[in-house]
Amino acid sequence: MKSTPSVLIIFAHPYREQSRVHNALIAAVKDIPRVSVLDLYAEYPDFYIDVAAEQNRLLQHDLLIFQHPIYWYSCPPLMKEWMDAVLLRGWAYGAGGDALKGLDYIQVLSTGGPDSAYIRKGESRFSMTELLRPFEAMANMCGWNYYQPFLMQGVNGFDEEQLQVYGDLYRQFIERYLAEGNASLVRLDSSKSTEEGKPA
């Protein structure tokens, strides 16, 4: 990590204009020095990813944030397309694929439903930790440091005060990372979890 770390937020929301929570989060952090925000649906409306540009963008940053709503228990389709196009064998993983080894990685996630829906006895039948394991597996394959997500649940019912609170928390989180590096993050290993899938 550089002595002055930097943050890349890759944001994906197919209907950003309708997302009060994600608009509030982006507004809270977009002016912070050494923070870059890539809005995938604005940058690539045709889904044609500039692979070289995106790989170069990744190499310039220390913390990668995937910011998105939980979309059918995963991420929006353009984010998956970005992952498939950019994180190539021989570059991001596999033989000789260590370009991003040691990258810090977290997710900033929202769900419309409450946290009680994301437990084994809840509506989804799976915990959030279980649903996020494909992303943890990706991070592991690429040699990234996988950290506890910044999670907002039940966002459909958020009022303006709650939006402000989460925006402030997001800004504080990023500013602390820029000041302290990954010492400010909580590393996760889903193999060490409780029955409900929460960190032990």
N, C-alpha and C. Protein backbone atom coordinates (compact mmCIF):
# COMPACT_ATOMS: atom_id res chain seq x y z
N MET A 1 0.83 -1.19 0.00
CA MET A 1 0.00 0.00 0.00
C MET A 1 0.87 1.25 0.00
N LYS A 2 0.45 2.24 -0.79
CA LYS A 2 1.18 3.49 -0.84
C LYS A 2 1.03 4.24 0.47
N SER A 3 1.95 5.19 0.73
CA SER A 3 1.87 5.98 1.96
C SER A 3 0.63 6.86 1.97
N THR A 4 0.12 7.19 0.78
CA THR A 4 -1.13 7.95 0.66
C THR A 4 -2.13 7.10 -0.11
N PRO A 5 -2.88 6.23 0.58
CA PRO A 5 -3.77 5.30 -0.11
C PRO A 5 -4.89 6.01 -0.86
N SER A 6 -5.44 5.31 -1.83
CA SER A 6 -6.54 5.85 -2.63
C SER A 6 -7.64 4.81 -2.74
N VAL A 7 -8.84 5.29 -3.07
CA VAL A 7 -10.04 4.46 -3.05
C VAL A 7 -10.74 4.53 -4.41
N LEU A 8 -11.13 3.38 -4.92
CA LEU A 8 -11.94 3.31 -6.14
C LEU A 8 -13.30 2.71 -5.79
N ILE A 9 -14.34 3.47 -6.04
CA ILE A 9 -15.71 3.00 -5.85
C ILE A 9 -16.28 2.64 -7.22
N ILE A 10 -16.59 1.37 -7.41
CA ILE A 10 -17.27 0.95 -8.63
C ILE A 10 -18.74 0.76 -8.27
N PHE A 11 -19.55 1.64 -8.81
CA PHE A 11 -20.96 1.74 -8.43
C PHE A 11 -21.83 1.21 -9.56
N ALA A 12 -22.77 0.35 -9.22
CA ALA A 12 -23.68 -0.21 -10.23
C ALA A 12 -25.11 -0.19 -9.71
N HIS A 13 -25.95 0.55 -10.41
CA HIS A 13 -27.38 0.55 -10.11
C HIS A 13 -28.12 0.83 -11.42
N PRO A 14 -28.92 -0.12 -11.91
CA PRO A 14 -29.60 0.07 -13.20
C PRO A 14 -30.60 1.23 -13.19
N TYR A 15 -31.07 1.61 -12.00
CA TYR A 15 -32.07 2.68 -11.89
C TYR A 15 -31.61 3.69 -10.85
N ARG A 16 -30.43 4.26 -11.10
CA ARG A 16 -29.85 5.15 -10.10
C ARG A 16 -30.78 6.31 -9.76
N GLU A 17 -31.49 6.83 -10.75
CA GLU A 17 -32.34 8.00 -10.50
C GLU A 17 -33.42 7.70 -9.47
N GLN A 18 -33.72 6.42 -9.26
CA GLN A 18 -34.75 6.04 -8.29
C GLN A 18 -34.18 5.67 -6.93
N SER A 19 -32.85 5.66 -6.80
CA SER A 19 -32.22 5.18 -5.57
C SER A 19 -31.85 6.33 -4.65
N ARG A 20 -32.68 6.58 -3.67
CA ARG A 20 -32.40 7.64 -2.72
C ARG A 20 -31.17 7.32 -1.89
N VAL A 21 -31.03 6.06 -1.49
CA VAL A 21 -29.94 5.71 -0.59
C VAL A 21 -28.59 5.78 -1.31
N HIS A 22 -28.49 5.24 -2.50
CA HIS A 22 -27.19 5.24 -3.18
C HIS A 22 -26.82 6.64 -3.68
N ASN A 23 -27.80 7.43 -4.08
CA ASN A 23 -27.49 8.82 -4.43
C ASN A 23 -26.97 9.59 -3.23
N ALA A 24 -27.54 9.32 -2.06
CA ALA A 24 -27.07 9.98 -0.84
C ALA A 24 -25.65 9.55 -0.51
N LEU A 25 -25.34 8.28 -0.68
CA LEU A 25 -24.00 7.79 -0.38
C LEU A 25 -22.96 8.40 -1.32
N ILE A 26 -23.25 8.39 -2.62
CA ILE A 26 -22.30 8.95 -3.59
C ILE A 26 -22.09 10.44 -3.33
N ALA A 27 -23.16 11.15 -3.05
CA ALA A 27 -23.04 12.59 -2.78
C ALA A 27 -22.17 12.85 -1.56
N ALA A 28 -22.19 11.94 -0.60
CA ALA A 28 -21.44 12.13 0.64
C ALA A 28 -19.94 11.96 0.47
N VAL A 29 -19.51 11.23 -0.57
CA VAL A 29 -18.08 10.88 -0.66
C VAL A 29 -17.40 11.34 -1.95
N LYS A 30 -18.15 11.81 -2.93
CA LYS A 30 -17.56 12.06 -4.25
C LYS A 30 -16.53 13.17 -4.27
N ASP A 31 -16.55 14.05 -3.26
CA ASP A 31 -15.61 15.17 -3.26
C ASP A 31 -14.38 14.91 -2.39
N ILE A 32 -14.25 13.71 -1.84
CA ILE A 32 -13.10 13.42 -0.98
C ILE A 32 -11.86 13.23 -1.84
N PRO A 33 -10.76 13.91 -1.53
CA PRO A 33 -9.53 13.71 -2.30
C PRO A 33 -9.08 12.24 -2.26
N ARG A 34 -8.53 11.77 -3.37
CA ARG A 34 -8.01 10.41 -3.54
C ARG A 34 -9.12 9.36 -3.55
N VAL A 35 -10.34 9.80 -3.85
CA VAL A 35 -11.46 8.89 -4.04
C VAL A 35 -11.99 9.05 -5.46
N SER A 36 -12.04 7.94 -6.20
CA SER A 36 -12.58 7.94 -7.56
C SER A 36 -13.87 7.14 -7.58
N VAL A 37 -14.87 7.66 -8.30
CA VAL A 37 -16.16 6.98 -8.41
C VAL A 37 -16.41 6.65 -9.88
N LEU A 38 -16.62 5.37 -10.16
CA LEU A 38 -16.98 4.92 -11.50
C LEU A 38 -18.43 4.43 -11.47
N ASP A 39 -19.31 5.14 -12.15
CA ASP A 39 -20.71 4.74 -12.28
C ASP A 39 -20.81 3.88 -13.53
N LEU A 40 -20.91 2.58 -13.35
CA LEU A 40 -20.85 1.67 -14.49
C LEU A 40 -21.96 1.90 -15.50
N TYR A 41 -23.17 2.15 -15.04
CA TYR A 41 -24.28 2.31 -15.98
C TYR A 41 -24.21 3.63 -16.73
N ALA A 42 -23.54 4.63 -16.17
CA ALA A 42 -23.31 5.88 -16.90
C ALA A 42 -22.14 5.73 -17.86
N GLU A 43 -21.10 5.01 -17.45
CA GLU A 43 -19.89 4.87 -18.25
C GLU A 43 -20.07 3.88 -19.41
N TYR A 44 -20.82 2.81 -19.16
CA TYR A 44 -20.95 1.75 -20.16
C TYR A 44 -22.41 1.37 -20.40
N PRO A 45 -23.21 2.30 -20.92
CA PRO A 45 -24.63 1.99 -21.14
C PRO A 45 -24.85 0.88 -22.17
N ASP A 46 -23.85 0.67 -23.04
CA ASP A 46 -23.96 -0.39 -24.04
C ASP A 46 -23.35 -1.71 -23.58
N PHE A 47 -22.83 -1.75 -22.34
CA PHE A 47 -22.24 -2.95 -21.73
C PHE A 47 -20.91 -3.34 -22.38
N TYR A 48 -20.32 -2.50 -23.20
CA TYR A 48 -19.01 -2.80 -23.78
C TYR A 48 -17.92 -2.19 -22.91
N ILE A 49 -17.24 -3.02 -22.15
CA ILE A 49 -16.26 -2.58 -21.16
C ILE A 49 -14.91 -2.34 -21.83
N ASP A 50 -14.28 -1.21 -21.51
CA ASP A 50 -12.92 -0.93 -21.97
C ASP A 50 -11.97 -1.64 -21.00
N VAL A 51 -11.56 -2.83 -21.36
CA VAL A 51 -10.80 -3.69 -20.44
C VAL A 51 -9.48 -3.05 -20.04
N ALA A 52 -8.72 -2.54 -20.99
CA ALA A 52 -7.41 -1.95 -20.68
C ALA A 52 -7.57 -0.76 -19.74
N ALA A 53 -8.57 0.09 -20.00
CA ALA A 53 -8.79 1.26 -19.15
C ALA A 53 -9.16 0.84 -17.73
N GLU A 54 -9.99 -0.18 -17.61
CA GLU A 54 -10.42 -0.63 -16.29
C GLU A 54 -9.29 -1.31 -15.53
N GLN A 55 -8.48 -2.08 -16.21
CA GLN A 55 -7.34 -2.69 -15.53
C GLN A 55 -6.37 -1.62 -15.05
N ASN A 56 -6.12 -0.63 -15.87
CA ASN A 56 -5.24 0.47 -15.46
C ASN A 56 -5.84 1.23 -14.28
N ARG A 57 -7.15 1.43 -14.28
CA ARG A 57 -7.81 2.12 -13.18
C ARG A 57 -7.61 1.36 -11.87
N LEU A 58 -7.76 0.07 -11.92
CA LEU A 58 -7.58 -0.75 -10.72
C LEU A 58 -6.17 -0.62 -10.15
N LEU A 59 -5.19 -0.57 -11.02
CA LEU A 59 -3.79 -0.52 -10.58
C LEU A 59 -3.44 0.77 -9.86
N GLN A 60 -4.29 1.79 -10.00
CA GLN A 60 -4.00 3.09 -9.39
C GLN A 60 -4.56 3.23 -7.97
N HIS A 61 -5.22 2.20 -7.47
CA HIS A 61 -5.92 2.33 -6.19
C HIS A 61 -5.56 1.20 -5.22
N ASP A 62 -5.81 1.48 -3.94
CA ASP A 62 -5.49 0.53 -2.86
C ASP A 62 -6.72 -0.17 -2.29
N LEU A 63 -7.84 0.53 -2.28
CA LEU A 63 -9.10 -0.04 -1.78
C LEU A 63 -10.11 -0.03 -2.92
N LEU A 64 -10.65 -1.20 -3.21
CA LEU A 64 -11.72 -1.34 -4.20
C LEU A 64 -13.04 -1.55 -3.47
N ILE A 65 -14.01 -0.71 -3.79
CA ILE A 65 -15.35 -0.83 -3.21
C ILE A 65 -16.33 -1.16 -4.33
N PHE A 66 -17.06 -2.24 -4.17
CA PHE A 66 -18.20 -2.53 -5.03
C PHE A 66 -19.43 -1.99 -4.31
N GLN A 67 -20.06 -0.96 -4.86
CA GLN A 67 -21.26 -0.38 -4.26
C GLN A 67 -22.46 -0.70 -5.14
N HIS A 68 -23.44 -1.37 -4.56
CA HIS A 68 -24.60 -1.76 -5.36
C HIS A 68 -25.72 -2.27 -4.47
N PRO A 69 -26.95 -2.29 -4.99
CA PRO A 69 -28.03 -2.98 -4.28
C PRO A 69 -27.87 -4.49 -4.46
N ILE A 70 -28.39 -5.23 -3.51
CA ILE A 70 -28.50 -6.68 -3.71
C ILE A 70 -29.59 -6.91 -4.75
N TYR A 71 -29.21 -7.53 -5.84
CA TYR A 71 -30.05 -7.63 -7.03
C TYR A 71 -30.22 -9.10 -7.35
N TRP A 72 -31.38 -9.65 -7.04
CA TRP A 72 -31.59 -11.09 -7.14
C TRP A 72 -30.46 -11.87 -6.45
N TYR A 73 -30.21 -11.46 -5.20
CA TYR A 73 -29.24 -12.13 -4.33
C TYR A 73 -27.81 -12.05 -4.85
N SER A 74 -27.53 -11.08 -5.67
CA SER A 74 -26.19 -10.89 -6.20
C SER A 74 -26.00 -9.41 -6.52
N CYS A 75 -25.27 -9.12 -7.58
CA CYS A 75 -25.04 -7.75 -8.02
C CYS A 75 -25.80 -7.49 -9.31
N PRO A 76 -25.98 -6.23 -9.71
CA PRO A 76 -26.60 -5.93 -11.00
C PRO A 76 -25.79 -6.51 -12.16
N PRO A 77 -26.44 -6.77 -13.30
CA PRO A 77 -25.77 -7.49 -14.39
C PRO A 77 -24.55 -6.80 -14.97
N LEU A 78 -24.53 -5.47 -15.01
CA LEU A 78 -23.37 -4.79 -15.59
C LEU A 78 -22.14 -4.94 -14.71
N MET A 79 -22.33 -5.04 -13.40
CA MET A 79 -21.18 -5.29 -12.53
C MET A 79 -20.62 -6.69 -12.79
N LYS A 80 -21.50 -7.66 -12.97
CA LYS A 80 -21.02 -9.01 -13.30
C LYS A 80 -20.29 -9.01 -14.64
N GLU A 81 -20.79 -8.26 -15.61
CA GLU A 81 -20.11 -8.16 -16.90
C GLU A 81 -18.73 -7.53 -16.73
N TRP A 82 -18.63 -6.50 -15.89
CA TRP A 82 -17.34 -5.86 -15.61
C TRP A 82 -16.37 -6.88 -15.01
N MET A 83 -16.83 -7.66 -14.05
CA MET A 83 -15.97 -8.68 -13.44
C MET A 83 -15.49 -9.68 -14.48
N ASP A 84 -16.40 -10.16 -15.31
CA ASP A 84 -16.04 -11.16 -16.32
C ASP A 84 -15.04 -10.61 -17.33
N ALA A 85 -15.21 -9.35 -17.71
CA ALA A 85 -14.38 -8.75 -18.75
C ALA A 85 -13.00 -8.33 -18.25
N VAL A 86 -12.94 -7.82 -17.02
CA VAL A 86 -11.73 -7.16 -16.52
C VAL A 86 -10.81 -8.11 -15.75
N LEU A 87 -11.38 -8.97 -14.94
CA LEU A 87 -10.58 -9.82 -14.05
C LEU A 87 -10.18 -11.10 -14.79
N LEU A 88 -9.21 -10.96 -15.66
CA LEU A 88 -8.85 -12.03 -16.58
C LEU A 88 -7.79 -12.97 -16.01
N ARG A 89 -7.88 -14.23 -16.41
CA ARG A 89 -6.85 -15.22 -16.07
C ARG A 89 -5.50 -14.76 -16.64
N GLY A 90 -4.47 -14.90 -15.85
CA GLY A 90 -3.15 -14.47 -16.26
C GLY A 90 -2.87 -13.02 -15.92
N TRP A 91 -3.91 -12.28 -15.51
CA TRP A 91 -3.73 -10.89 -15.06
C TRP A 91 -4.21 -10.76 -13.61
N ALA A 92 -5.46 -11.15 -13.36
CA ALA A 92 -6.01 -11.02 -12.01
C ALA A 92 -5.92 -12.32 -11.20
N TYR A 93 -5.79 -13.45 -11.88
CA TYR A 93 -5.71 -14.74 -11.17
C TYR A 93 -5.04 -15.75 -12.08
N GLY A 94 -4.78 -16.93 -11.53
CA GLY A 94 -4.14 -17.98 -12.31
C GLY A 94 -2.65 -17.75 -12.45
N ALA A 95 -2.01 -18.55 -13.29
CA ALA A 95 -0.56 -18.46 -13.48
C ALA A 95 -0.18 -17.07 -13.97
N GLY A 96 0.68 -16.41 -13.21
CA GLY A 96 1.11 -15.07 -13.56
C GLY A 96 0.10 -13.99 -13.28
N GLY A 97 -1.06 -14.35 -12.75
CA GLY A 97 -2.13 -13.38 -12.55
C GLY A 97 -2.13 -12.77 -11.17
N ASP A 98 -1.11 -11.98 -10.87
CA ASP A 98 -0.99 -11.39 -9.54
C ASP A 98 -0.99 -9.87 -9.58
N ALA A 99 -1.55 -9.27 -10.64
CA ALA A 99 -1.51 -7.81 -10.79
C ALA A 99 -2.18 -7.08 -9.64
N LEU A 100 -3.19 -7.70 -9.05
CA LEU A 100 -3.97 -7.03 -8.00
C LEU A 100 -3.78 -7.67 -6.63
N LYS A 101 -2.76 -8.50 -6.50
CA LYS A 101 -2.53 -9.17 -5.22
C LYS A 101 -2.33 -8.14 -4.11
N GLY A 102 -3.04 -8.34 -2.99
CA GLY A 102 -2.93 -7.44 -1.85
C GLY A 102 -3.90 -6.28 -1.88
N LEU A 103 -4.74 -6.21 -2.91
CA LEU A 103 -5.75 -5.15 -2.99
C LEU A 103 -6.75 -5.31 -1.85
N ASP A 104 -7.11 -4.22 -1.20
CA ASP A 104 -8.16 -4.24 -0.19
C ASP A 104 -9.52 -4.15 -0.89
N TYR A 105 -10.51 -4.90 -0.37
CA TYR A 105 -11.79 -4.99 -1.07
C TYR A 105 -12.93 -5.09 -0.08
N ILE A 106 -13.95 -4.25 -0.28
CA ILE A 106 -15.19 -4.37 0.49
C ILE A 106 -16.37 -4.12 -0.44
N GLN A 107 -17.55 -4.44 0.06
CA GLN A 107 -18.79 -4.13 -0.64
C GLN A 107 -19.62 -3.17 0.19
N VAL A 108 -20.27 -2.24 -0.48
CA VAL A 108 -21.23 -1.33 0.13
C VAL A 108 -22.58 -1.69 -0.48
N LEU A 109 -23.46 -2.25 0.35
CA LEU A 109 -24.64 -2.95 -0.14
C LEU A 109 -25.92 -2.43 0.48
N SER A 110 -26.99 -2.52 -0.29
CA SER A 110 -28.31 -2.17 0.24
C SER A 110 -29.30 -3.27 -0.09
N THR A 111 -30.26 -3.46 0.82
CA THR A 111 -31.38 -4.34 0.56
C THR A 111 -32.66 -3.60 0.89
N GLY A 112 -33.69 -3.85 0.09
CA GLY A 112 -34.98 -3.25 0.41
C GLY A 112 -35.60 -3.91 1.62
N GLY A 113 -35.39 -5.22 1.75
CA GLY A 113 -35.95 -5.96 2.87
C GLY A 113 -35.14 -5.79 4.14
N PRO A 114 -35.73 -6.09 5.28
CA PRO A 114 -35.05 -5.95 6.56
C PRO A 114 -34.03 -7.05 6.79
N ASP A 115 -33.17 -6.87 7.80
CA ASP A 115 -32.15 -7.88 8.08
C ASP A 115 -32.77 -9.21 8.47
N SER A 116 -33.99 -9.20 9.03
CA SER A 116 -34.64 -10.45 9.43
C SER A 116 -34.98 -11.34 8.24
N ALA A 117 -34.98 -10.78 7.03
CA ALA A 117 -35.24 -11.59 5.84
C ALA A 117 -34.02 -12.39 5.42
N TYR A 118 -32.84 -11.98 5.92
CA TYR A 118 -31.59 -12.58 5.45
C TYR A 118 -30.96 -13.45 6.54
N ILE A 119 -31.75 -14.37 7.03
CA ILE A 119 -31.28 -15.41 7.94
C ILE A 119 -31.89 -16.73 7.46
N ARG A 120 -31.39 -17.84 7.97
CA ARG A 120 -31.83 -19.13 7.44
C ARG A 120 -33.31 -19.41 7.71
N LYS A 121 -33.86 -18.79 8.73
CA LYS A 121 -35.28 -18.96 9.01
C LYS A 121 -36.10 -17.81 8.45
N GLY A 122 -35.45 -16.91 7.70
CA GLY A 122 -36.14 -15.78 7.12
C GLY A 122 -36.62 -16.04 5.71
N GLU A 123 -37.13 -15.00 5.08
CA GLU A 123 -37.72 -15.13 3.75
C GLU A 123 -36.73 -15.65 2.71
N SER A 124 -35.47 -15.21 2.79
CA SER A 124 -34.49 -15.60 1.77
C SER A 124 -33.95 -17.01 1.97
N ARG A 125 -34.03 -17.52 3.22
CA ARG A 125 -33.52 -18.84 3.60
C ARG A 125 -31.99 -18.91 3.65
N PHE A 126 -31.33 -17.79 3.41
CA PHE A 126 -29.87 -17.74 3.46
C PHE A 126 -29.43 -16.47 4.17
N SER A 127 -28.31 -16.56 4.87
CA SER A 127 -27.75 -15.37 5.51
C SER A 127 -27.03 -14.51 4.48
N MET A 128 -26.80 -13.26 4.83
CA MET A 128 -26.08 -12.37 3.94
C MET A 128 -24.65 -12.88 3.70
N THR A 129 -24.03 -13.42 4.73
CA THR A 129 -22.69 -13.97 4.57
C THR A 129 -22.68 -15.07 3.51
N GLU A 130 -23.69 -15.94 3.54
CA GLU A 130 -23.77 -17.02 2.55
C GLU A 130 -24.00 -16.46 1.15
N LEU A 131 -24.86 -15.46 1.03
CA LEU A 131 -25.14 -14.89 -0.28
C LEU A 131 -23.92 -14.21 -0.89
N LEU A 132 -23.04 -13.71 -0.03
CA LEU A 132 -21.86 -12.98 -0.52
C LEU A 132 -20.65 -13.87 -0.75
N ARG A 133 -20.77 -15.16 -0.51
CA ARG A 133 -19.61 -16.04 -0.66
C ARG A 133 -19.01 -16.05 -2.08
N PRO A 134 -19.79 -15.92 -3.15
CA PRO A 134 -19.15 -15.83 -4.47
C PRO A 134 -18.19 -14.65 -4.58
N PHE A 135 -18.52 -13.53 -3.93
CA PHE A 135 -17.63 -12.37 -3.96
C PHE A 135 -16.38 -12.62 -3.11
N GLU A 136 -16.57 -13.31 -2.00
CA GLU A 136 -15.41 -13.68 -1.18
C GLU A 136 -14.51 -14.64 -1.96
N ALA A 137 -15.12 -15.58 -2.69
CA ALA A 137 -14.33 -16.52 -3.49
C ALA A 137 -13.55 -15.79 -4.58
N MET A 138 -14.18 -14.80 -5.21
CA MET A 138 -13.49 -13.98 -6.21
C MET A 138 -12.29 -13.27 -5.59
N ALA A 139 -12.52 -12.65 -4.43
CA ALA A 139 -11.43 -11.94 -3.76
C ALA A 139 -10.29 -12.89 -3.41
N ASN A 140 -10.64 -14.07 -2.92
CA ASN A 140 -9.62 -15.06 -2.58
C ASN A 140 -8.83 -15.49 -3.82
N MET A 141 -9.52 -15.73 -4.92
CA MET A 141 -8.87 -16.16 -6.16
C MET A 141 -7.89 -15.10 -6.67
N CYS A 142 -8.25 -13.83 -6.48
CA CYS A 142 -7.42 -12.73 -6.98
C CYS A 142 -6.37 -12.26 -5.97
N GLY A 143 -6.35 -12.86 -4.77
CA GLY A 143 -5.37 -12.47 -3.78
C GLY A 143 -5.69 -11.17 -3.07
N TRP A 144 -6.98 -10.82 -3.00
CA TRP A 144 -7.39 -9.58 -2.35
C TRP A 144 -7.62 -9.81 -0.86
N ASN A 145 -7.60 -8.74 -0.11
CA ASN A 145 -7.96 -8.75 1.30
C ASN A 145 -9.45 -8.45 1.40
N TYR A 146 -10.23 -9.41 1.89
CA TYR A 146 -11.69 -9.32 1.90
C TYR A 146 -12.16 -8.85 3.27
N TYR A 147 -12.91 -7.75 3.30
CA TYR A 147 -13.29 -7.13 4.56
C TYR A 147 -14.81 -7.05 4.72
N GLN A 148 -15.20 -6.84 5.96
CA GLN A 148 -16.61 -6.76 6.32
C GLN A 148 -17.34 -5.71 5.50
N PRO A 149 -18.49 -6.05 4.92
CA PRO A 149 -19.21 -5.08 4.09
C PRO A 149 -19.86 -3.97 4.90
N PHE A 150 -20.10 -2.87 4.22
CA PHE A 150 -20.88 -1.75 4.75
C PHE A 150 -22.30 -2.01 4.28
N LEU A 151 -23.17 -2.42 5.19
CA LEU A 151 -24.47 -2.98 4.81
C LEU A 151 -25.61 -2.13 5.34
N MET A 152 -26.54 -1.82 4.45
CA MET A 152 -27.76 -1.08 4.81
C MET A 152 -28.95 -1.94 4.42
N GLN A 153 -29.82 -2.23 5.38
CA GLN A 153 -30.96 -3.10 5.11
C GLN A 153 -32.26 -2.41 5.48
N GLY A 154 -33.33 -2.79 4.78
CA GLY A 154 -34.61 -2.13 4.98
C GLY A 154 -34.64 -0.71 4.44
N VAL A 155 -33.86 -0.45 3.38
CA VAL A 155 -33.68 0.93 2.92
C VAL A 155 -34.95 1.52 2.31
N ASN A 156 -35.90 0.69 1.90
CA ASN A 156 -37.13 1.23 1.33
C ASN A 156 -37.88 2.11 2.31
N GLY A 157 -37.63 1.88 3.60
CA GLY A 157 -38.31 2.67 4.61
C GLY A 157 -37.48 3.80 5.20
N PHE A 158 -36.31 4.07 4.65
CA PHE A 158 -35.44 5.11 5.19
C PHE A 158 -36.06 6.50 4.99
N ASP A 159 -35.98 7.32 6.04
CA ASP A 159 -36.37 8.72 5.91
C ASP A 159 -35.13 9.57 5.65
N GLU A 160 -35.30 10.87 5.51
CA GLU A 160 -34.18 11.75 5.17
C GLU A 160 -33.10 11.74 6.25
N GLU A 161 -33.51 11.62 7.50
CA GLU A 161 -32.53 11.60 8.58
C GLU A 161 -31.66 10.35 8.49
N GLN A 162 -32.27 9.21 8.20
CA GLN A 162 -31.49 7.97 8.07
C GLN A 162 -30.54 8.04 6.88
N LEU A 163 -30.98 8.64 5.78
CA LEU A 163 -30.10 8.81 4.62
C LEU A 163 -28.89 9.65 4.99
N GLN A 164 -29.11 10.71 5.76
CA GLN A 164 -28.01 11.57 6.19
C GLN A 164 -27.05 10.81 7.09
N VAL A 165 -27.59 10.01 8.00
CA VAL A 165 -26.76 9.25 8.93
C VAL A 165 -25.86 8.28 8.16
N TYR A 166 -26.43 7.54 7.22
CA TYR A 166 -25.61 6.57 6.48
C TYR A 166 -24.63 7.26 5.55
N GLY A 167 -25.00 8.40 4.99
CA GLY A 167 -24.06 9.17 4.19
C GLY A 167 -22.88 9.63 5.02
N ASP A 168 -23.15 10.10 6.23
CA ASP A 168 -22.08 10.54 7.13
C ASP A 168 -21.19 9.37 7.53
N LEU A 169 -21.80 8.22 7.82
CA LEU A 169 -21.02 7.04 8.20
C LEU A 169 -20.12 6.58 7.05
N TYR A 170 -20.63 6.62 5.85
CA TYR A 170 -19.85 6.21 4.68
C TYR A 170 -18.65 7.14 4.50
N ARG A 171 -18.89 8.43 4.62
CA ARG A 171 -17.80 9.39 4.48
C ARG A 171 -16.74 9.16 5.56
N GLN A 172 -17.19 8.95 6.80
CA GLN A 172 -16.25 8.71 7.90
C GLN A 172 -15.45 7.44 7.66
N PHE A 173 -16.12 6.41 7.15
CA PHE A 173 -15.44 5.15 6.86
C PHE A 173 -14.31 5.35 5.85
N ILE A 174 -14.59 6.06 4.77
CA ILE A 174 -13.58 6.27 3.74
C ILE A 174 -12.47 7.18 4.23
N GLU A 175 -12.82 8.24 4.95
CA GLU A 175 -11.79 9.15 5.46
C GLU A 175 -10.88 8.42 6.44
N ARG A 176 -11.44 7.51 7.22
CA ARG A 176 -10.61 6.76 8.15
C ARG A 176 -9.66 5.83 7.39
N TYR A 177 -10.15 5.20 6.33
CA TYR A 177 -9.27 4.35 5.54
C TYR A 177 -8.13 5.17 4.94
N LEU A 178 -8.43 6.33 4.42
CA LEU A 178 -7.41 7.17 3.82
C LEU A 178 -6.37 7.61 4.84
N ALA A 179 -6.80 7.72 6.10
CA ALA A 179 -5.87 8.14 7.16
C ALA A 179 -5.09 6.97 7.75
N GLU A 180 -5.74 5.80 7.86
CA GLU A 180 -5.15 4.68 8.60
C GLU A 180 -4.85 3.46 7.73
N GLY A 181 -5.33 3.44 6.49
CA GLY A 181 -5.17 2.25 5.67
C GLY A 181 -6.05 1.11 6.16
N ASN A 182 -5.68 -0.13 5.83
CA ASN A 182 -6.56 -1.25 6.15
C ASN A 182 -6.58 -1.63 7.63
N ALA A 183 -5.82 -0.92 8.45
CA ALA A 183 -5.95 -1.11 9.89
C ALA A 183 -7.34 -0.72 10.38
N SER A 184 -8.05 0.07 9.57
CA SER A 184 -9.39 0.53 9.94
C SER A 184 -10.47 -0.46 9.54
N LEU A 185 -10.11 -1.55 8.84
CA LEU A 185 -11.09 -2.49 8.32
C LEU A 185 -11.12 -3.78 9.13
N VAL A 186 -12.24 -4.49 9.05
CA VAL A 186 -12.41 -5.78 9.73
C VAL A 186 -12.37 -6.88 8.68
N ARG A 187 -11.35 -7.74 8.78
CA ARG A 187 -11.19 -8.80 7.78
C ARG A 187 -12.15 -9.94 8.09
N LEU A 188 -12.70 -10.53 7.03
CA LEU A 188 -13.69 -11.60 7.18
C LEU A 188 -13.19 -12.91 6.59
N ASP A 189 -13.63 -13.99 7.22
CA ASP A 189 -13.41 -15.34 6.70
C ASP A 189 -14.69 -16.10 6.98
N SER A 190 -15.50 -16.34 5.96
CA SER A 190 -16.81 -16.94 6.18
C SER A 190 -16.73 -18.38 6.65
N SER A 191 -15.55 -18.99 6.60
CA SER A 191 -15.41 -20.35 7.12
C SER A 191 -15.48 -20.36 8.64
N LYS A 192 -15.30 -19.17 9.24
CA LYS A 192 -15.39 -19.04 10.69
C LYS A 192 -16.63 -18.21 11.01
N SER A 193 -17.79 -18.86 10.97
CA SER A 193 -19.03 -18.14 11.13
C SER A 193 -19.98 -18.92 12.02
N THR A 194 -21.01 -18.22 12.49
CA THR A 194 -22.01 -18.84 13.34
C THR A 194 -23.03 -19.56 12.47
N GLU A 195 -23.99 -20.20 13.10
CA GLU A 195 -25.01 -20.95 12.36
C GLU A 195 -25.78 -20.05 11.42
N GLU A 196 -26.02 -18.80 11.81
CA GLU A 196 -26.78 -17.89 10.96
C GLU A 196 -25.91 -17.25 9.89
N GLY A 197 -24.63 -17.61 9.86
CA GLY A 197 -23.78 -17.08 8.81
C GLY A 197 -23.14 -15.76 9.15
N LYS A 198 -23.31 -15.28 10.39
CA LYS A 198 -22.70 -14.02 10.79
C LYS A 198 -21.30 -14.29 11.33
N PRO A 199 -20.40 -13.31 11.22
CA PRO A 199 -19.05 -13.52 11.75
C PRO A 199 -19.09 -13.92 13.22
N ALA A 200 -18.28 -14.88 13.58
CA ALA A 200 -18.26 -15.35 14.97
C ALA A 200 -17.58 -14.34 15.88
